[in-house]
Amino acid sequence: MKKYTSSAKSSDNKGKWCVVDADGAILGRLATTIASRLRGKHNPFFTPHVDTGDSVIVINAEKIVLTGKKLGQKYYYRHSGYIGGLKMITAKHLLEKRPEDLIRFAVKGMLPKNKLGRKIFGKLKVYSGSTHPHDAQQPEVIELQH
């Protein structure tokens, strides 16, 4: 009798919802926890080519912490597509203007760069306040190890 490793199907995923509080959390450590939860690496039936992860809600994004001199020295770039259209913003200014984007950029860089990665990234919801509109999904609270 042959023994083989079973491969999960997308119908096997129950699709739980989780809440993560970013108050006082370090950006990179928070992003790795979120990315592995979105990807489904915490599940025993993890399969690399199937979405087996959970939906993640992040609250208090404005209270995230960056270590060292990253607030003033880390830049985020975007380009308009025109000549000379490169725009950059420091992490400090991004934290003041759009704190949700700091977490989104960090998590997006840790996900696969393909169709599956884009689908998984859609399950991330980030909010700067302490409230979120997803109470109907009955999310469970995830504690971070600081």
C-alpha atoms as a PDB file:
ATOM      1  CA  MET A   1       0.000   0.000   0.000  1.00  0.00           C
ATOM      2  CA  LYS A   2       1.344   3.394  -0.967  1.00  0.00           C
ATOM      3  CA  LYS A   3       1.534   6.142   1.578  1.00  0.00           C
ATOM      4  CA  TYR A   4       1.345   9.654   0.320  1.00  0.00           C
ATOM      5  CA  THR A   5       1.074  13.142   1.676  1.00  0.00           C
ATOM      6  CA  SER A   6      -2.410  14.536   1.322  1.00  0.00           C
ATOM      7  CA  SER A   7      -2.859  17.842  -0.433  1.00  0.00           C
ATOM      8  CA  ALA A   8      -5.444  20.297   0.892  1.00  0.00           C
ATOM      9  CA  LYS A   9      -8.178  21.685  -1.321  1.00  0.00           C
ATOM     10  CA  SER A  10      -9.559  25.199  -1.116  1.00  0.00           C
ATOM     11  CA  SER A  11     -12.848  23.724   0.152  1.00  0.00           C
ATOM     12  CA  ASP A  12     -10.991  22.295   3.205  1.00  0.00           C
ATOM     13  CA  ASN A  13     -10.323  25.798   4.543  1.00  0.00           C
ATOM     14  CA  LYS A  14     -12.840  26.907   7.163  1.00  0.00           C
ATOM     15  CA  GLY A  15     -11.713  30.548   6.887  1.00  0.00           C
ATOM     16  CA  LYS A  16     -11.527  31.731  10.496  1.00  0.00           C
ATOM     17  CA  TRP A  17     -11.128  35.412  11.386  1.00  0.00           C
ATOM     18  CA  CYS A  18      -8.451  36.712  13.756  1.00  0.00           C
ATOM     19  CA  VAL A  19      -7.839  40.093  15.425  1.00  0.00           C
ATOM     20  CA  VAL A  20      -4.323  41.338  16.132  1.00  0.00           C
ATOM     21  CA  ASP A  21      -3.689  44.413  18.283  1.00  0.00           C
ATOM     22  CA  ALA A  22      -0.679  46.347  16.962  1.00  0.00           C
ATOM     23  CA  ASP A  23      -0.372  48.545  20.074  1.00  0.00           C
ATOM     24  CA  GLY A  24       3.339  48.596  20.966  1.00  0.00           C
ATOM     25  CA  ALA A  25       4.222  45.808  18.519  1.00  0.00           C
ATOM     26  CA  ILE A  26       7.405  45.910  16.438  1.00  0.00           C
ATOM     27  CA  LEU A  27       6.560  46.220  12.737  1.00  0.00           C
ATOM     28  CA  GLY A  28       8.629  43.334  11.337  1.00  0.00           C
ATOM     29  CA  ARG A  29       7.682  40.841  14.031  1.00  0.00           C
ATOM     30  CA  LEU A  30       4.021  41.730  13.673  1.00  0.00           C
ATOM     31  CA  ALA A  31       4.214  41.411   9.882  1.00  0.00           C
ATOM     32  CA  THR A  32       5.764  37.919  10.029  1.00  0.00           C
ATOM     33  CA  THR A  33       3.036  36.714  12.382  1.00  0.00           C
ATOM     34  CA  ILE A  34       0.324  38.162  10.143  1.00  0.00           C
ATOM     35  CA  ALA A  35       1.882  36.811   6.931  1.00  0.00           C
ATOM     36  CA  SER A  36       2.189  33.265   8.258  1.00  0.00           C
ATOM     37  CA  ARG A  37      -1.399  33.392   9.568  1.00  0.00           C
ATOM     38  CA  LEU A  38      -2.687  34.684   6.199  1.00  0.00           C
ATOM     39  CA  ARG A  39      -0.733  32.025   4.341  1.00  0.00           C
ATOM     40  CA  GLY A  40      -1.960  29.228   6.607  1.00  0.00           C
ATOM     41  CA  LYS A  41       1.384  27.992   7.889  1.00  0.00           C
ATOM     42  CA  HIS A  42      -0.102  27.487  11.356  1.00  0.00           C
ATOM     43  CA  ASN A  43      -2.466  24.816  10.011  1.00  0.00           C
ATOM     44  CA  PRO A  44      -1.441  21.148   9.983  1.00  0.00           C
ATOM     45  CA  PHE A  45      -2.920  20.811   6.466  1.00  0.00           C
ATOM     46  CA  PHE A  46      -0.834  23.676   4.992  1.00  0.00           C
ATOM     47  CA  THR A  47      -0.334  23.329   1.251  1.00  0.00           C
ATOM     48  CA  PRO A  48       1.881  25.878  -0.562  1.00  0.00           C
ATOM     49  CA  HIS A  49      -0.273  26.221  -3.682  1.00  0.00           C
ATOM     50  CA  VAL A  50      -3.666  26.460  -1.894  1.00  0.00           C
ATOM     51  CA  ASP A  51      -5.137  29.264   0.219  1.00  0.00           C
ATOM     52  CA  THR A  52      -5.415  27.587   3.635  1.00  0.00           C
ATOM     53  CA  GLY A  53      -5.041  30.705   5.773  1.00  0.00           C
ATOM     54  CA  ASP A  54      -7.263  32.869   7.927  1.00  0.00           C
ATOM     55  CA  SER A  55      -8.540  36.409   7.496  1.00  0.00           C
ATOM     56  CA  VAL A  56      -6.672  38.853   9.735  1.00  0.00           C
ATOM     57  CA  ILE A  57      -7.891  42.145  11.197  1.00  0.00           C
ATOM     58  CA  VAL A  58      -5.240  44.527  12.565  1.00  0.00           C
ATOM     59  CA  ILE A  59      -6.307  47.309  14.926  1.00  0.00           C
ATOM     60  CA  ASN A  60      -4.348  50.245  16.436  1.00  0.00           C
ATOM     61  CA  ALA A  61      -2.047  50.534  13.426  1.00  0.00           C
ATOM     62  CA  GLU A  62      -1.020  54.055  14.466  1.00  0.00           C
ATOM     63  CA  LYS A  63       0.650  52.659  17.619  1.00  0.00           C
ATOM     64  CA  ILE A  64       3.151  50.462  15.756  1.00  0.00           C
ATOM     65  CA  VAL A  65       6.839  50.692  16.771  1.00  0.00           C
ATOM     66  CA  LEU A  66       9.877  50.824  14.486  1.00  0.00           C
ATOM     67  CA  THR A  67      13.251  50.069  16.058  1.00  0.00           C
ATOM     68  CA  GLY A  68      16.510  51.922  15.548  1.00  0.00           C
ATOM     69  CA  LYS A  69      16.604  54.907  13.191  1.00  0.00           C
ATOM     70  CA  LYS A  70      14.062  53.478  10.756  1.00  0.00           C
ATOM     71  CA  LEU A  71      11.522  56.277  11.302  1.00  0.00           C
ATOM     72  CA  GLY A  72      13.818  58.820   9.673  1.00  0.00           C
ATOM     73  CA  GLN A  73      15.950  56.626   7.408  1.00  0.00           C
ATOM     74  CA  LYS A  74      13.487  54.115   5.901  1.00  0.00           C
ATOM     75  CA  TYR A  75      11.896  55.282   2.656  1.00  0.00           C
ATOM     76  CA  TYR A  76       8.892  54.004   0.739  1.00  0.00           C
ATOM     77  CA  TYR A  77       8.977  54.608  -3.018  1.00  0.00           C
ATOM     78  CA  ARG A  78       6.344  54.884  -5.719  1.00  0.00           C
ATOM     79  CA  HIS A  79       6.510  55.987  -9.346  1.00  0.00           C
ATOM     80  CA  SER A  80       3.897  57.772 -11.431  1.00  0.00           C
ATOM     81  CA  GLY A  81       5.118  56.251 -14.687  1.00  0.00           C
ATOM     82  CA  TYR A  82       6.311  59.573 -16.073  1.00  0.00           C
ATOM     83  CA  ILE A  83       9.904  60.743 -16.409  1.00  0.00           C
ATOM     84  CA  GLY A  84      11.075  62.097 -13.061  1.00  0.00           C
ATOM     85  CA  GLY A  85       7.960  60.743 -11.387  1.00  0.00           C
ATOM     86  CA  LEU A  86       9.677  58.975  -8.490  1.00  0.00           C
ATOM     87  CA  LYS A  87       8.128  59.936  -5.171  1.00  0.00           C
ATOM     88  CA  MET A  88       9.370  58.863  -1.771  1.00  0.00           C
ATOM     89  CA  ILE A  89       8.152  59.229   1.777  1.00  0.00           C
ATOM     90  CA  THR A  90       9.854  58.420   5.070  1.00  0.00           C
ATOM     91  CA  ALA A  91       8.383  55.943   7.510  1.00  0.00           C
ATOM     92  CA  LYS A  92       7.756  58.780   9.973  1.00  0.00           C
ATOM     93  CA  HIS A  93       5.606  60.750   7.515  1.00  0.00           C
ATOM     94  CA  LEU A  94       3.809  57.591   6.364  1.00  0.00           C
ATOM     95  CA  LEU A  95       3.028  56.746   9.989  1.00  0.00           C
ATOM     96  CA  GLU A  96       1.487  60.208  10.412  1.00  0.00           C
ATOM     97  CA  LYS A  97      -0.469  60.232   7.114  1.00  0.00           C
ATOM     98  CA  ARG A  98      -1.494  56.591   6.515  1.00  0.00           C
ATOM     99  CA  PRO A  99      -0.394  54.274   9.356  1.00  0.00           C
ATOM    100  CA  GLU A 100      -2.309  51.343   7.837  1.00  0.00           C
ATOM    101  CA  ASP A 101       0.008  51.349   4.820  1.00  0.00           C
ATOM    102  CA  LEU A 102       3.096  50.624   6.952  1.00  0.00           C
ATOM    103  CA  ILE A 103       1.627  47.272   7.958  1.00  0.00           C
ATOM    104  CA  ARG A 104       0.223  46.566   4.483  1.00  0.00           C
ATOM    105  CA  PHE A 105       3.603  47.164   2.779  1.00  0.00           C
ATOM    106  CA  ALA A 106       5.463  44.996   5.307  1.00  0.00           C
ATOM    107  CA  VAL A 107       3.016  42.082   5.018  1.00  0.00           C
ATOM    108  CA  LYS A 108       2.720  42.300   1.222  1.00  0.00           C
ATOM    109  CA  GLY A 109       6.495  41.929   0.892  1.00  0.00           C
ATOM    110  CA  MET A 110       6.343  38.654   2.839  1.00  0.00           C
ATOM    111  CA  LEU A 111       3.664  37.021   0.667  1.00  0.00           C
ATOM    112  CA  PRO A 112       4.196  35.165  -2.631  1.00  0.00           C
ATOM    113  CA  LYS A 113       4.439  37.362  -5.725  1.00  0.00           C
ATOM    114  CA  ASN A 114       1.747  35.614  -7.797  1.00  0.00           C
ATOM    115  CA  LYS A 115      -2.046  35.218  -8.099  1.00  0.00           C
ATOM    116  CA  LEU A 116      -2.262  33.318  -4.838  1.00  0.00           C
ATOM    117  CA  GLY A 117      -0.330  36.047  -2.996  1.00  0.00           C
ATOM    118  CA  ARG A 118      -2.690  38.726  -4.296  1.00  0.00           C
ATOM    119  CA  LYS A 119      -5.706  36.655  -3.236  1.00  0.00           C
ATOM    120  CA  ILE A 120      -4.245  36.093   0.224  1.00  0.00           C
ATOM    121  CA  PHE A 121      -3.417  39.797   0.613  1.00  0.00           C
ATOM    122  CA  GLY A 122      -7.097  40.617   0.113  1.00  0.00           C
ATOM    123  CA  LYS A 123      -7.885  38.869   3.403  1.00  0.00           C
ATOM    124  CA  LEU A 124      -5.902  41.460   5.410  1.00  0.00           C
ATOM    125  CA  LYS A 125      -7.911  44.289   6.972  1.00  0.00           C
ATOM    126  CA  VAL A 126      -5.970  47.083   8.737  1.00  0.00           C
ATOM    127  CA  TYR A 127      -7.528  49.864  10.838  1.00  0.00           C
ATOM    128  CA  SER A 128      -5.858  52.747  12.640  1.00  0.00           C
ATOM    129  CA  GLY A 129      -8.390  52.902  15.482  1.00  0.00           C
ATOM    130  CA  SER A 130      -9.286  50.357  18.111  1.00  0.00           C
ATOM    131  CA  THR A 131     -12.589  49.428  16.443  1.00  0.00           C
ATOM    132  CA  HIS A 132     -13.380  47.444  13.312  1.00  0.00           C
ATOM    133  CA  PRO A 133     -16.595  46.680  11.396  1.00  0.00           C
ATOM    134  CA  HIS A 134     -16.091  42.883  11.372  1.00  0.00           C
ATOM    135  CA  ASP A 135     -17.815  41.909  14.637  1.00  0.00           C
ATOM    136  CA  ALA A 136     -20.304  39.710  12.757  1.00  0.00           C
ATOM    137  CA  GLN A 137     -17.474  37.319  11.804  1.00  0.00           C
ATOM    138  CA  GLN A 138     -16.759  36.636  15.512  1.00  0.00           C
ATOM    139  CA  PRO A 139     -12.963  36.952  15.233  1.00  0.00           C
ATOM    140  CA  GLU A 140     -10.675  35.368  17.780  1.00  0.00           C
ATOM    141  CA  VAL A 141      -7.956  37.475  19.425  1.00  0.00           C
ATOM    142  CA  ILE A 142      -4.338  36.554  18.635  1.00  0.00           C
ATOM    143  CA  GLU A 143      -1.741  37.433  21.276  1.00  0.00           C
ATOM    144  CA  LEU A 144       1.718  38.432  20.064  1.00  0.00           C
ATOM    145  CA  GLN A 145       4.941  37.359  21.765  1.00  0.00           C
ATOM    146  CA  HIS A 146       6.838  40.585  22.451  1.00  0.00           C
END
